[in-house]
Amino acid sequence: MLTKWIHCIALAATVPLLGGGTTATAQSLSQIDQELRQAIDFRALIFKGCLGQHECTVGPISLRATRLNDDNETWTEATIYWDPIDGVGIQDGAQNDEIDFEERLEVRFASPQTVETIWFSDLFHTEDRRYGSFLTDRVENEPIDAEIAGLGYVVGEAEVSKQTFSAEDRLPWASFNQEVSLNFIENGDLRRRVIIQDEVITVLAPSGTSSESDILIENAIGSIDKDKRAIFEGVETVEIDISPILAEFHGTSLFAVGTTNFDVIERVADNDQALNNLRLVAETKRTTIDMSNGEVRSDLLDAAGLDGLTFFAPFDASNDFSVAGIILAGEEG
């Protein structure tokens, strides 16, 4: 999995994305719960059956998860993630519960709709500093050091336009999900962080204890490697599994198998009472503590007559998010 992550970085770095510069409106932390009660709330238990599925249908809404293949062009089946706190995302990738840059969540409506508002979650700024990747942002017309969510408008089977939306809230040093339940842990689903910038490869690794800081491993590629690059021009690239080599750095365990928080949800997936309790505690916390879960309310323009939406994460230093819900204006005539 680590080799695929590095390979995708090399390919995706050459594909720029122009951001729409769209900003979200300010809201109280509990507004998301108030607005989604009468809308499409992906955190609702009716969507729990989507957990672990490639695609699922709930009433007039269909979801499908896909992942970019190594050729950087074609897509294959991926697996939907769901929980009652964040909403829907995609399993595996850099985060085991969110939509990462090589993943796509497709939402389709049974009939054309006008979409008024999207509610995102897990969308933060100042996260780059946490992961040692500051100033690596590549999305134009969007803030530096902010996570960015991508959204495509779908008419028929065609994606007719795209927009980007940026985070508003700082990444808290504690986890909102941990406030809901101590069974969740900070970075529990973070599978790996590999950053390539200015001829330096940086790997972020967990310290393994709560009292020690995470470990940053940096290695400069160097001028000798630059001189040797010409030897390989025009030669087909061959992937090599370098995870055993990287693991030799002080025996450090990389973010390769982080599934702790996903496992928490999977254990109670068939227990509606436990799931509903997590949801209710999250609602209470949003009104009683000053902590964001990265909620972003985004009002859409010219989003009439849509057959669906596509959620994606633009390639960047740190872009991953969940989709909490959708507010529709009503069915088209």
C-alpha atoms as a PDB file:
ATOM      1  CA  MET A   1       0.000   0.000   0.000  1.00  0.00           C
ATOM      2  CA  LEU A   2       2.872   2.366   0.762  1.00  0.00           C
ATOM      3  CA  THR A   3       4.340   1.974  -2.706  1.00  0.00           C
ATOM      4  CA  LYS A   4       1.000   2.840  -4.277  1.00  0.00           C
ATOM      5  CA  TRP A   5       0.798   6.004  -2.169  1.00  0.00           C
ATOM      6  CA  ILE A   6       4.220   7.209  -3.308  1.00  0.00           C
ATOM      7  CA  HIS A   7       3.537   6.185  -6.919  1.00  0.00           C
ATOM      8  CA  CYS A   8       0.272   8.149  -6.970  1.00  0.00           C
ATOM      9  CA  ILE A   9       2.046  11.229  -5.603  1.00  0.00           C
ATOM     10  CA  ALA A  10       4.480  11.200  -8.504  1.00  0.00           C
ATOM     11  CA  LEU A  11       1.686  10.955 -11.057  1.00  0.00           C
ATOM     12  CA  ALA A  12      -0.823  13.329  -9.520  1.00  0.00           C
ATOM     13  CA  ALA A  13       1.710  16.087  -8.915  1.00  0.00           C
ATOM     14  CA  THR A  14       1.622  16.918 -12.616  1.00  0.00           C
ATOM     15  CA  VAL A  15      -2.136  17.503 -12.733  1.00  0.00           C
ATOM     16  CA  PRO A  16      -3.105  21.036 -11.555  1.00  0.00           C
ATOM     17  CA  LEU A  17      -6.607  21.851 -10.357  1.00  0.00           C
ATOM     18  CA  LEU A  18      -8.074  25.311 -10.551  1.00  0.00           C
ATOM     19  CA  GLY A  19     -10.103  26.091  -7.474  1.00  0.00           C
ATOM     20  CA  GLY A  20     -13.346  28.019  -7.591  1.00  0.00           C
ATOM     21  CA  GLY A  21     -12.410  30.084  -4.562  1.00  0.00           C
ATOM     22  CA  THR A  22     -15.747  29.185  -2.981  1.00  0.00           C
ATOM     23  CA  THR A  23     -16.027  29.872   0.730  1.00  0.00           C
ATOM     24  CA  ALA A  24     -18.485  28.566   3.255  1.00  0.00           C
ATOM     25  CA  THR A  25     -20.791  30.615   5.424  1.00  0.00           C
ATOM     26  CA  ALA A  26     -20.159  31.013   9.134  1.00  0.00           C
ATOM     27  CA  GLN A  27     -22.263  28.772  11.361  1.00  0.00           C
ATOM     28  CA  SER A  28     -22.629  27.634  14.937  1.00  0.00           C
ATOM     29  CA  LEU A  29     -21.295  24.178  15.698  1.00  0.00           C
ATOM     30  CA  SER A  30     -24.800  22.773  16.182  1.00  0.00           C
ATOM     31  CA  GLN A  31     -26.249  24.218  12.969  1.00  0.00           C
ATOM     32  CA  ILE A  32     -25.323  21.103  11.017  1.00  0.00           C
ATOM     33  CA  ASP A  33     -27.612  18.974  13.197  1.00  0.00           C
ATOM     34  CA  GLN A  34     -30.497  21.425  12.944  1.00  0.00           C
ATOM     35  CA  GLU A  35     -30.342  21.732   9.162  1.00  0.00           C
ATOM     36  CA  LEU A  36     -29.847  18.065   8.295  1.00  0.00           C
ATOM     37  CA  ARG A  37     -32.772  16.773  10.357  1.00  0.00           C
ATOM     38  CA  GLN A  38     -35.113  17.421   7.428  1.00  0.00           C
ATOM     39  CA  ALA A  39     -32.551  16.728   4.691  1.00  0.00           C
ATOM     40  CA  ILE A  40     -30.265  13.939   3.438  1.00  0.00           C
ATOM     41  CA  ASP A  41     -28.221  13.235   6.561  1.00  0.00           C
ATOM     42  CA  PHE A  42     -25.520  10.693   5.783  1.00  0.00           C
ATOM     43  CA  ARG A  43     -24.871  10.341   9.519  1.00  0.00           C
ATOM     44  CA  ALA A  44     -28.370   8.905  10.017  1.00  0.00           C
ATOM     45  CA  LEU A  45     -28.616   5.205  10.833  1.00  0.00           C
ATOM     46  CA  ILE A  46     -30.540   4.484   7.606  1.00  0.00           C
ATOM     47  CA  PHE A  47     -27.178   4.749   5.821  1.00  0.00           C
ATOM     48  CA  LYS A  48     -25.352   2.296   8.102  1.00  0.00           C
ATOM     49  CA  GLY A  49     -25.901  -0.510   5.580  1.00  0.00           C
ATOM     50  CA  CYS A  50     -23.505   1.292   3.225  1.00  0.00           C
ATOM     51  CA  LEU A  51     -20.567   0.503   5.539  1.00  0.00           C
ATOM     52  CA  GLY A  52     -18.286  -1.978   3.790  1.00  0.00           C
ATOM     53  CA  GLN A  53     -20.177  -1.841   0.478  1.00  0.00           C
ATOM     54  CA  HIS A  54     -18.903  -0.753  -2.932  1.00  0.00           C
ATOM     55  CA  GLU A  55     -22.291   0.775  -3.699  1.00  0.00           C
ATOM     56  CA  CYS A  56     -25.597   1.061  -1.909  1.00  0.00           C
ATOM     57  CA  THR A  57     -29.033   2.600  -2.362  1.00  0.00           C
ATOM     58  CA  VAL A  58     -31.093   4.205   0.403  1.00  0.00           C
ATOM     59  CA  GLY A  59     -34.461   5.440  -0.838  1.00  0.00           C
ATOM     60  CA  PRO A  60     -33.855   7.777  -3.801  1.00  0.00           C
ATOM     61  CA  ILE A  61     -30.112   8.140  -3.072  1.00  0.00           C
ATOM     62  CA  SER A  62     -27.369   5.851  -4.405  1.00  0.00           C
ATOM     63  CA  LEU A  63     -23.721   5.889  -3.303  1.00  0.00           C
ATOM     64  CA  ARG A  64     -20.687   4.345  -4.985  1.00  0.00           C
ATOM     65  CA  ALA A  65     -17.016   4.394  -4.005  1.00  0.00           C
ATOM     66  CA  THR A  66     -14.165   4.186  -6.528  1.00  0.00           C
ATOM     67  CA  ARG A  67     -10.366   4.356  -6.378  1.00  0.00           C
ATOM     68  CA  LEU A  68      -7.846   5.566  -8.945  1.00  0.00           C
ATOM     69  CA  ASN A  69      -5.718   2.800 -10.453  1.00  0.00           C
ATOM     70  CA  ASP A  70      -1.950   2.976 -10.747  1.00  0.00           C
ATOM     71  CA  ASP A  71      -2.260   4.147 -14.365  1.00  0.00           C
ATOM     72  CA  ASN A  72      -3.677   7.433 -12.980  1.00  0.00           C
ATOM     73  CA  GLU A  73      -6.530   7.235 -15.511  1.00  0.00           C
ATOM     74  CA  THR A  74      -8.925   4.376 -14.777  1.00  0.00           C
ATOM     75  CA  TRP A  75     -11.007   3.714 -11.665  1.00  0.00           C
ATOM     76  CA  THR A  76     -11.776   0.531  -9.785  1.00  0.00           C
ATOM     77  CA  GLU A  77     -14.120  -0.496  -6.979  1.00  0.00           C
ATOM     78  CA  ALA A  78     -13.526   0.918  -3.508  1.00  0.00           C
ATOM     79  CA  THR A  79     -15.407   0.493  -0.238  1.00  0.00           C
ATOM     80  CA  ILE A  80     -17.727   2.969   1.471  1.00  0.00           C
ATOM     81  CA  TYR A  81     -17.080   4.032   5.053  1.00  0.00           C
ATOM     82  CA  TRP A  82     -19.887   5.272   7.320  1.00  0.00           C
ATOM     83  CA  ASP A  83     -20.298   6.408  10.899  1.00  0.00           C
ATOM     84  CA  PRO A  84     -22.940   8.438  12.797  1.00  0.00           C
ATOM     85  CA  ILE A  85     -20.516  11.239  13.717  1.00  0.00           C
ATOM     86  CA  ASP A  86     -18.812  12.174  10.424  1.00  0.00           C
ATOM     87  CA  GLY A  87     -21.034  10.691   7.703  1.00  0.00           C
ATOM     88  CA  VAL A  88     -19.678   8.861   4.654  1.00  0.00           C
ATOM     89  CA  GLY A  89     -16.173   8.472   3.291  1.00  0.00           C
ATOM     90  CA  ILE A  90     -14.086   5.781   1.606  1.00  0.00           C
ATOM     91  CA  GLN A  91     -12.045   3.053   3.250  1.00  0.00           C
ATOM     92  CA  ASP A  92      -8.294   2.572   2.774  1.00  0.00           C
ATOM     93  CA  GLY A  93      -6.253   5.350   1.174  1.00  0.00           C
ATOM     94  CA  ALA A  94      -4.240   7.677   3.400  1.00  0.00           C
ATOM     95  CA  GLN A  95      -7.173   7.807   5.817  1.00  0.00           C
ATOM     96  CA  ASN A  96      -9.202   4.674   6.408  1.00  0.00           C
ATOM     97  CA  ASP A  97     -12.457   6.602   6.835  1.00  0.00           C
ATOM     98  CA  GLU A  98     -12.274   9.716   4.629  1.00  0.00           C
ATOM     99  CA  ILE A  99     -12.121  10.683   0.952  1.00  0.00           C
ATOM    100  CA  ASP A 100      -8.482  10.972  -0.133  1.00  0.00           C
ATOM    101  CA  PHE A 101      -6.996  12.305  -3.365  1.00  0.00           C
ATOM    102  CA  GLU A 102      -7.033   8.942  -5.163  1.00  0.00           C
ATOM    103  CA  GLU A 103     -10.654   8.237  -4.161  1.00  0.00           C
ATOM    104  CA  ARG A 104     -14.084   9.319  -5.369  1.00  0.00           C
ATOM    105  CA  LEU A 105     -17.544   9.145  -3.812  1.00  0.00           C
ATOM    106  CA  GLU A 106     -20.357   9.207  -6.367  1.00  0.00           C
ATOM    107  CA  VAL A 107     -23.856  10.246  -5.269  1.00  0.00           C
ATOM    108  CA  ARG A 108     -26.757   9.717  -7.672  1.00  0.00           C
ATOM    109  CA  PHE A 109     -30.398  10.833  -7.387  1.00  0.00           C
ATOM    110  CA  ALA A 110     -33.404   8.826  -8.582  1.00  0.00           C
ATOM    111  CA  SER A 111     -34.630  11.958 -10.417  1.00  0.00           C
ATOM    112  CA  PRO A 112     -33.018  15.339 -11.274  1.00  0.00           C
ATOM    113  CA  GLN A 113     -32.593  17.631  -8.273  1.00  0.00           C
ATOM    114  CA  THR A 114     -31.641  21.164  -7.347  1.00  0.00           C
ATOM    115  CA  VAL A 115     -28.939  20.987  -4.685  1.00  0.00           C
ATOM    116  CA  GLU A 116     -28.880  23.940  -2.303  1.00  0.00           C
ATOM    117  CA  THR A 117     -26.248  23.037   0.286  1.00  0.00           C
ATOM    118  CA  ILE A 118     -23.504  20.514   1.037  1.00  0.00           C
ATOM    119  CA  TRP A 119     -22.344  19.822   4.575  1.00  0.00           C
ATOM    120  CA  PHE A 120     -18.761  18.526   4.835  1.00  0.00           C
ATOM    121  CA  SER A 121     -17.027  17.250   7.963  1.00  0.00           C
ATOM    122  CA  ASP A 122     -13.368  16.542   8.850  1.00  0.00           C
ATOM    123  CA  LEU A 123     -12.252  19.543   6.778  1.00  0.00           C
ATOM    124  CA  PHE A 124      -9.610  21.624   8.600  1.00  0.00           C
ATOM    125  CA  HIS A 125      -6.885  24.193   8.087  1.00  0.00           C
ATOM    126  CA  THR A 126      -3.438  24.349   9.765  1.00  0.00           C
ATOM    127  CA  GLU A 127      -3.154  20.584   9.337  1.00  0.00           C
ATOM    128  CA  ASP A 128      -0.089  20.898   7.071  1.00  0.00           C
ATOM    129  CA  ARG A 129       2.049  22.160   9.955  1.00  0.00           C
ATOM    130  CA  ARG A 130       1.070  19.095  11.973  1.00  0.00           C
ATOM    131  CA  TYR A 131       2.371  16.815   9.238  1.00  0.00           C
ATOM    132  CA  GLY A 132       5.457  18.779   8.265  1.00  0.00           C
ATOM    133  CA  SER A 133       4.076  19.572   4.807  1.00  0.00           C
ATOM    134  CA  PHE A 134       3.552  23.337   5.009  1.00  0.00           C
ATOM    135  CA  LEU A 135       3.644  25.272   1.696  1.00  0.00           C
ATOM    136  CA  THR A 136       3.130  22.168  -0.441  1.00  0.00           C
ATOM    137  CA  ASP A 137      -0.359  23.250  -1.526  1.00  0.00           C
ATOM    138  CA  ARG A 138      -1.063  22.978  -5.252  1.00  0.00           C
ATOM    139  CA  VAL A 139      -4.703  24.048  -5.652  1.00  0.00           C
ATOM    140  CA  GLU A 140      -4.910  27.517  -7.169  1.00  0.00           C
ATOM    141  CA  ASN A 141      -7.281  30.160  -5.794  1.00  0.00           C
ATOM    142  CA  GLU A 142      -7.638  28.338  -2.494  1.00  0.00           C
ATOM    143  CA  PRO A 143      -6.033  29.220   0.873  1.00  0.00           C
ATOM    144  CA  ILE A 144      -2.614  27.853   1.760  1.00  0.00           C
ATOM    145  CA  ASP A 145      -2.570  25.286   4.542  1.00  0.00           C
ATOM    146  CA  ALA A 146      -6.275  24.466   4.254  1.00  0.00           C
ATOM    147  CA  GLU A 147      -7.829  21.131   3.412  1.00  0.00           C
ATOM    148  CA  ILE A 148      -9.917  21.312   0.246  1.00  0.00           C
ATOM    149  CA  ALA A 149     -12.936  19.295  -0.843  1.00  0.00           C
ATOM    150  CA  GLY A 150     -13.766  18.841  -4.523  1.00  0.00           C
ATOM    151  CA  LEU A 151     -17.298  18.596  -5.909  1.00  0.00           C
ATOM    152  CA  GLY A 152     -18.453  17.696  -9.418  1.00  0.00           C
ATOM    153  CA  TYR A 153     -21.918  18.378 -10.872  1.00  0.00           C
ATOM    154  CA  VAL A 154     -23.319  15.400 -12.805  1.00  0.00           C
ATOM    155  CA  VAL A 155     -25.955  15.648 -15.552  1.00  0.00           C
ATOM    156  CA  GLY A 156     -26.805  12.344 -17.187  1.00  0.00           C
ATOM    157  CA  GLU A 157     -23.544  10.428 -16.963  1.00  0.00           C
ATOM    158  CA  ALA A 158     -21.318  13.461 -17.569  1.00  0.00           C
ATOM    159  CA  GLU A 159     -19.546  15.607 -15.004  1.00  0.00           C
ATOM    160  CA  VAL A 160     -20.352  19.083 -16.332  1.00  0.00           C
ATOM    161  CA  SER A 161     -18.465  21.277 -13.855  1.00  0.00           C
ATOM    162  CA  LYS A 162     -16.302  21.199 -10.731  1.00  0.00           C
ATOM    163  CA  GLN A 163     -15.883  23.359  -7.656  1.00  0.00           C
ATOM    164  CA  THR A 164     -13.624  23.355  -4.632  1.00  0.00           C
ATOM    165  CA  PHE A 165     -14.421  24.280  -1.037  1.00  0.00           C
ATOM    166  CA  SER A 166     -11.884  25.084   1.655  1.00  0.00           C
ATOM    167  CA  ALA A 167     -11.808  24.497   5.394  1.00  0.00           C
ATOM    168  CA  GLU A 168     -12.751  27.180   7.895  1.00  0.00           C
ATOM    169  CA  ASP A 169     -11.827  25.702  11.275  1.00  0.00           C
ATOM    170  CA  ARG A 170      -8.396  25.003  12.724  1.00  0.00           C
ATOM    171  CA  LEU A 171      -7.446  21.392  13.336  1.00  0.00           C
ATOM    172  CA  PRO A 172      -7.850  20.927  17.104  1.00  0.00           C
ATOM    173  CA  TRP A 173      -5.083  19.184  18.996  1.00  0.00           C
ATOM    174  CA  ALA A 174      -7.659  16.890  20.524  1.00  0.00           C
ATOM    175  CA  SER A 175     -10.049  14.800  18.436  1.00  0.00           C
ATOM    176  CA  PHE A 176     -13.777  15.573  18.384  1.00  0.00           C
ATOM    177  CA  ASN A 177     -14.492  11.848  18.015  1.00  0.00           C
ATOM    178  CA  GLN A 178     -12.496  11.220  21.179  1.00  0.00           C
ATOM    179  CA  GLU A 179     -14.778  13.663  22.972  1.00  0.00           C
ATOM    180  CA  VAL A 180     -17.705  11.523  21.823  1.00  0.00           C
ATOM    181  CA  SER A 181     -16.107   8.229  22.891  1.00  0.00           C
ATOM    182  CA  LEU A 182     -12.738   7.383  24.404  1.00  0.00           C
ATOM    183  CA  ASN A 183     -12.675   4.306  22.167  1.00  0.00           C
ATOM    184  CA  PHE A 184     -11.636   6.605  19.322  1.00  0.00           C
ATOM    185  CA  ILE A 185      -7.995   7.650  19.275  1.00  0.00           C
ATOM    186  CA  GLU A 186      -6.157  10.520  17.615  1.00  0.00           C
ATOM    187  CA  ASN A 187      -4.875   9.417  14.193  1.00  0.00           C
ATOM    188  CA  GLY A 188      -6.507   6.036  14.753  1.00  0.00           C
ATOM    189  CA  ASP A 189      -7.308   5.660  11.067  1.00  0.00           C
ATOM    190  CA  LEU A 190      -4.299   7.477   9.631  1.00  0.00           C
ATOM    191  CA  ARG A 191      -2.621   4.853   7.478  1.00  0.00           C
ATOM    192  CA  ARG A 192       0.426   6.678   6.134  1.00  0.00           C
ATOM    193  CA  ARG A 193       1.913  10.111   5.464  1.00  0.00           C
ATOM    194  CA  VAL A 194       4.594  10.426   2.824  1.00  0.00           C
ATOM    195  CA  ILE A 195       5.492  13.929   1.608  1.00  0.00           C
ATOM    196  CA  ILE A 196       7.768  14.752  -1.332  1.00  0.00           C
ATOM    197  CA  GLN A 197       8.853  18.376  -1.662  1.00  0.00           C
ATOM    198  CA  ASP A 198      11.946  20.138  -3.011  1.00  0.00           C
ATOM    199  CA  GLU A 199      13.917  16.905  -3.434  1.00  0.00           C
ATOM    200  CA  VAL A 200      13.205  15.845   0.144  1.00  0.00           C
ATOM    201  CA  ILE A 201      11.152  12.782   1.118  1.00  0.00           C
ATOM    202  CA  THR A 202       9.453  13.128   4.502  1.00  0.00           C
ATOM    203  CA  VAL A 203       7.731  10.283   6.323  1.00  0.00           C
ATOM    204  CA  LEU A 204       5.616  11.007   9.391  1.00  0.00           C
ATOM    205  CA  ALA A 205       5.572   8.106  11.835  1.00  0.00           C
ATOM    206  CA  PRO A 206       3.743   7.696  15.149  1.00  0.00           C
ATOM    207  CA  SER A 207       5.779   7.746  18.342  1.00  0.00           C
ATOM    208  CA  GLY A 208       3.700   4.955  19.833  1.00  0.00           C
ATOM    209  CA  THR A 209       3.021   6.823  23.077  1.00  0.00           C
ATOM    210  CA  SER A 210       0.752   9.720  24.010  1.00  0.00           C
ATOM    211  CA  SER A 211       3.556  11.614  25.763  1.00  0.00           C
ATOM    212  CA  GLU A 212       6.020  11.720  22.849  1.00  0.00           C
ATOM    213  CA  SER A 213       5.751  13.716  19.651  1.00  0.00           C
ATOM    214  CA  ASP A 214       5.301  12.015  16.308  1.00  0.00           C
ATOM    215  CA  ILE A 215       8.515  11.271  14.435  1.00  0.00           C
ATOM    216  CA  LEU A 216       9.476  13.016  11.213  1.00  0.00           C
ATOM    217  CA  ILE A 217      11.952  11.137   9.020  1.00  0.00           C
ATOM    218  CA  GLU A 218      13.494  13.277   6.267  1.00  0.00           C
ATOM    219  CA  ASN A 219      15.836  12.190   3.506  1.00  0.00           C
ATOM    220  CA  ALA A 220      17.247  14.441   0.790  1.00  0.00           C
ATOM    221  CA  ILE A 221      17.346  12.785  -2.638  1.00  0.00           C
ATOM    222  CA  GLY A 222      20.677  14.484  -3.387  1.00  0.00           C
ATOM    223  CA  SER A 223      22.585  15.635  -6.473  1.00  0.00           C
ATOM    224  CA  ILE A 224      23.913  12.178  -7.373  1.00  0.00           C
ATOM    225  CA  ASP A 225      20.379  10.900  -7.749  1.00  0.00           C
ATOM    226  CA  LYS A 226      19.539  13.893  -9.954  1.00  0.00           C
ATOM    227  CA  ASP A 227      22.445  13.096 -12.277  1.00  0.00           C
ATOM    228  CA  LYS A 228      21.335   9.491 -12.602  1.00  0.00           C
ATOM    229  CA  ARG A 229      17.792  10.323 -13.610  1.00  0.00           C
ATOM    230  CA  ALA A 230      18.695  10.657 -17.279  1.00  0.00           C
ATOM    231  CA  ILE A 231      19.615   6.976 -17.328  1.00  0.00           C
ATOM    232  CA  PHE A 232      15.959   6.066 -16.806  1.00  0.00           C
ATOM    233  CA  GLU A 233      14.338   8.458 -19.271  1.00  0.00           C
ATOM    234  CA  GLY A 234      11.845   6.603 -21.475  1.00  0.00           C
ATOM    235  CA  VAL A 235      12.090   3.438 -19.393  1.00  0.00           C
ATOM    236  CA  GLU A 236       8.897   1.926 -17.997  1.00  0.00           C
ATOM    237  CA  THR A 237       8.544   2.506 -14.275  1.00  0.00           C
ATOM    238  CA  VAL A 238       8.678  -0.538 -12.007  1.00  0.00           C
ATOM    239  CA  GLU A 239       7.281  -0.346  -8.491  1.00  0.00           C
ATOM    240  CA  ILE A 240       9.443  -1.579  -5.627  1.00  0.00           C
ATOM    241  CA  ASP A 241       8.035  -2.201  -2.163  1.00  0.00           C
ATOM    242  CA  ILE A 242      10.170   0.122  -0.016  1.00  0.00           C
ATOM    243  CA  SER A 243       8.188  -0.303   3.202  1.00  0.00           C
ATOM    244  CA  PRO A 244      10.756  -2.772   4.658  1.00  0.00           C
ATOM    245  CA  ILE A 245      13.527  -0.230   3.964  1.00  0.00           C
ATOM    246  CA  LEU A 246      11.650   2.650   5.548  1.00  0.00           C
ATOM    247  CA  ALA A 247      10.780   0.496   8.537  1.00  0.00           C
ATOM    248  CA  GLU A 248      14.506   0.168   9.276  1.00  0.00           C
ATOM    249  CA  PHE A 249      14.507   3.772  10.549  1.00  0.00           C
ATOM    250  CA  HIS A 250      14.814   3.040  14.275  1.00  0.00           C
ATOM    251  CA  GLY A 251      12.263   0.258  13.901  1.00  0.00           C
ATOM    252  CA  THR A 252       9.556   2.888  13.434  1.00  0.00           C
ATOM    253  CA  SER A 253       6.065   1.676  12.574  1.00  0.00           C
ATOM    254  CA  LEU A 254       4.653   3.662   9.651  1.00  0.00           C
ATOM    255  CA  PHE A 255       0.975   4.599   9.236  1.00  0.00           C
ATOM    256  CA  ALA A 256       0.352   1.486   7.160  1.00  0.00           C
ATOM    257  CA  VAL A 257      -2.344  -0.340   9.092  1.00  0.00           C
ATOM    258  CA  GLY A 258      -4.179   2.308  11.092  1.00  0.00           C
ATOM    259  CA  THR A 259      -7.736   0.988  11.430  1.00  0.00           C
ATOM    260  CA  THR A 260      -8.468   1.585  15.098  1.00  0.00           C
ATOM    261  CA  ASN A 261     -11.387   3.982  14.677  1.00  0.00           C
ATOM    262  CA  PHE A 262     -12.861   1.993  11.804  1.00  0.00           C
ATOM    263  CA  ASP A 263     -12.756  -1.093  14.012  1.00  0.00           C
ATOM    264  CA  VAL A 264     -14.716   0.806  16.688  1.00  0.00           C
ATOM    265  CA  ILE A 265     -17.594   1.391  14.270  1.00  0.00           C
ATOM    266  CA  GLU A 266     -17.412  -2.084  12.763  1.00  0.00           C
ATOM    267  CA  ARG A 267     -17.807  -3.690  16.208  1.00  0.00           C
ATOM    268  CA  VAL A 268     -21.104  -1.877  16.828  1.00  0.00           C
ATOM    269  CA  ALA A 269     -22.389  -1.754  13.235  1.00  0.00           C
ATOM    270  CA  ASP A 270     -25.268  -4.107  14.084  1.00  0.00           C
ATOM    271  CA  ASN A 271     -26.135  -2.364  17.343  1.00  0.00           C
ATOM    272  CA  ASP A 272     -28.548   0.485  16.597  1.00  0.00           C
ATOM    273  CA  GLN A 273     -28.638   1.579  20.225  1.00  0.00           C
ATOM    274  CA  ALA A 274     -24.852   1.962  20.391  1.00  0.00           C
ATOM    275  CA  LEU A 275     -24.758   3.793  17.053  1.00  0.00           C
ATOM    276  CA  ASN A 276     -27.589   6.116  18.024  1.00  0.00           C
ATOM    277  CA  ASN A 277     -25.848   6.848  21.317  1.00  0.00           C
ATOM    278  CA  LEU A 278     -22.712   7.957  19.458  1.00  0.00           C
ATOM    279  CA  ARG A 279     -24.840  10.248  17.290  1.00  0.00           C
ATOM    280  CA  LEU A 280     -26.688  11.768  20.264  1.00  0.00           C
ATOM    281  CA  VAL A 281     -23.479  12.336  22.230  1.00  0.00           C
ATOM    282  CA  ALA A 282     -21.953  14.059  19.191  1.00  0.00           C
ATOM    283  CA  GLU A 283     -24.974  16.372  18.930  1.00  0.00           C
ATOM    284  CA  THR A 284     -24.683  17.217  22.619  1.00  0.00           C
ATOM    285  CA  LYS A 285     -20.943  17.877  22.374  1.00  0.00           C
ATOM    286  CA  ARG A 286     -21.479  20.288  19.485  1.00  0.00           C
ATOM    287  CA  THR A 287     -23.573  22.462  21.797  1.00  0.00           C
ATOM    288  CA  THR A 288     -21.502  22.117  24.985  1.00  0.00           C
ATOM    289  CA  ILE A 289     -17.815  22.189  24.005  1.00  0.00           C
ATOM    290  CA  ASP A 290     -15.811  24.614  21.899  1.00  0.00           C
ATOM    291  CA  MET A 291     -14.402  22.070  19.445  1.00  0.00           C
ATOM    292  CA  SER A 292     -14.951  21.687  15.730  1.00  0.00           C
ATOM    293  CA  ASN A 293     -15.289  18.445  13.808  1.00  0.00           C
ATOM    294  CA  GLY A 294     -14.349  20.292  10.629  1.00  0.00           C
ATOM    295  CA  GLU A 295     -17.954  21.019   9.653  1.00  0.00           C
ATOM    296  CA  VAL A 296     -18.276  23.243   6.590  1.00  0.00           C
ATOM    297  CA  ARG A 297     -21.586  24.476   5.171  1.00  0.00           C
ATOM    298  CA  SER A 298     -21.291  25.190   1.432  1.00  0.00           C
ATOM    299  CA  ASP A 299     -24.124  26.794  -0.541  1.00  0.00           C
ATOM    300  CA  LEU A 300     -24.127  25.881  -4.232  1.00  0.00           C
ATOM    301  CA  LEU A 301     -24.799  28.086  -7.248  1.00  0.00           C
ATOM    302  CA  ASP A 302     -26.350  26.926 -10.547  1.00  0.00           C
ATOM    303  CA  ALA A 303     -26.911  23.427  -9.143  1.00  0.00           C
ATOM    304  CA  ALA A 304     -30.319  22.780 -10.759  1.00  0.00           C
ATOM    305  CA  GLY A 305     -31.338  19.691 -12.723  1.00  0.00           C
ATOM    306  CA  LEU A 306     -28.513  17.533 -11.378  1.00  0.00           C
ATOM    307  CA  ASP A 307     -28.577  13.755 -11.624  1.00  0.00           C
ATOM    308  CA  GLY A 308     -25.812  13.450  -9.090  1.00  0.00           C
ATOM    309  CA  LEU A 309     -22.665  14.731  -7.427  1.00  0.00           C
ATOM    310  CA  THR A 310     -19.084  13.488  -7.320  1.00  0.00           C
ATOM    311  CA  PHE A 311     -16.940  14.152  -4.253  1.00  0.00           C
ATOM    312  CA  PHE A 312     -13.159  14.060  -4.621  1.00  0.00           C
ATOM    313  CA  ALA A 313     -10.068  15.384  -2.869  1.00  0.00           C
ATOM    314  CA  PRO A 314      -7.732  17.495  -5.051  1.00  0.00           C
ATOM    315  CA  PHE A 315      -4.128  16.336  -4.928  1.00  0.00           C
ATOM    316  CA  ASP A 316      -2.376  18.313  -2.223  1.00  0.00           C
ATOM    317  CA  ALA A 317      -0.267  17.936   0.892  1.00  0.00           C
ATOM    318  CA  SER A 318      -3.267  17.087   3.065  1.00  0.00           C
ATOM    319  CA  ASN A 319      -6.768  16.830   1.651  1.00  0.00           C
ATOM    320  CA  ASP A 320      -9.196  14.334   3.150  1.00  0.00           C
ATOM    321  CA  PHE A 321     -12.750  14.811   4.335  1.00  0.00           C
ATOM    322  CA  SER A 322     -16.156  13.219   4.928  1.00  0.00           C
ATOM    323  CA  VAL A 323     -19.591  14.121   3.578  1.00  0.00           C
ATOM    324  CA  ALA A 324     -22.153  14.737   6.326  1.00  0.00           C
ATOM    325  CA  GLY A 325     -25.209  15.597   4.274  1.00  0.00           C
ATOM    326  CA  ILE A 326     -26.994  17.253   1.354  1.00  0.00           C
ATOM    327  CA  ILE A 327     -29.887  19.717   1.319  1.00  0.00           C
ATOM    328  CA  LEU A 328     -32.124  19.635  -1.779  1.00  0.00           C
ATOM    329  CA  ALA A 329     -34.512  22.325  -2.972  1.00  0.00           C
ATOM    330  CA  GLY A 330     -36.970  19.687  -4.253  1.00  0.00           C
ATOM    331  CA  GLU A 331     -37.552  17.542  -7.285  1.00  0.00           C
ATOM    332  CA  GLU A 332     -37.406  19.039 -10.734  1.00  0.00           C
ATOM    333  CA  GLY A 333     -40.637  19.041 -12.719  1.00  0.00           C
END
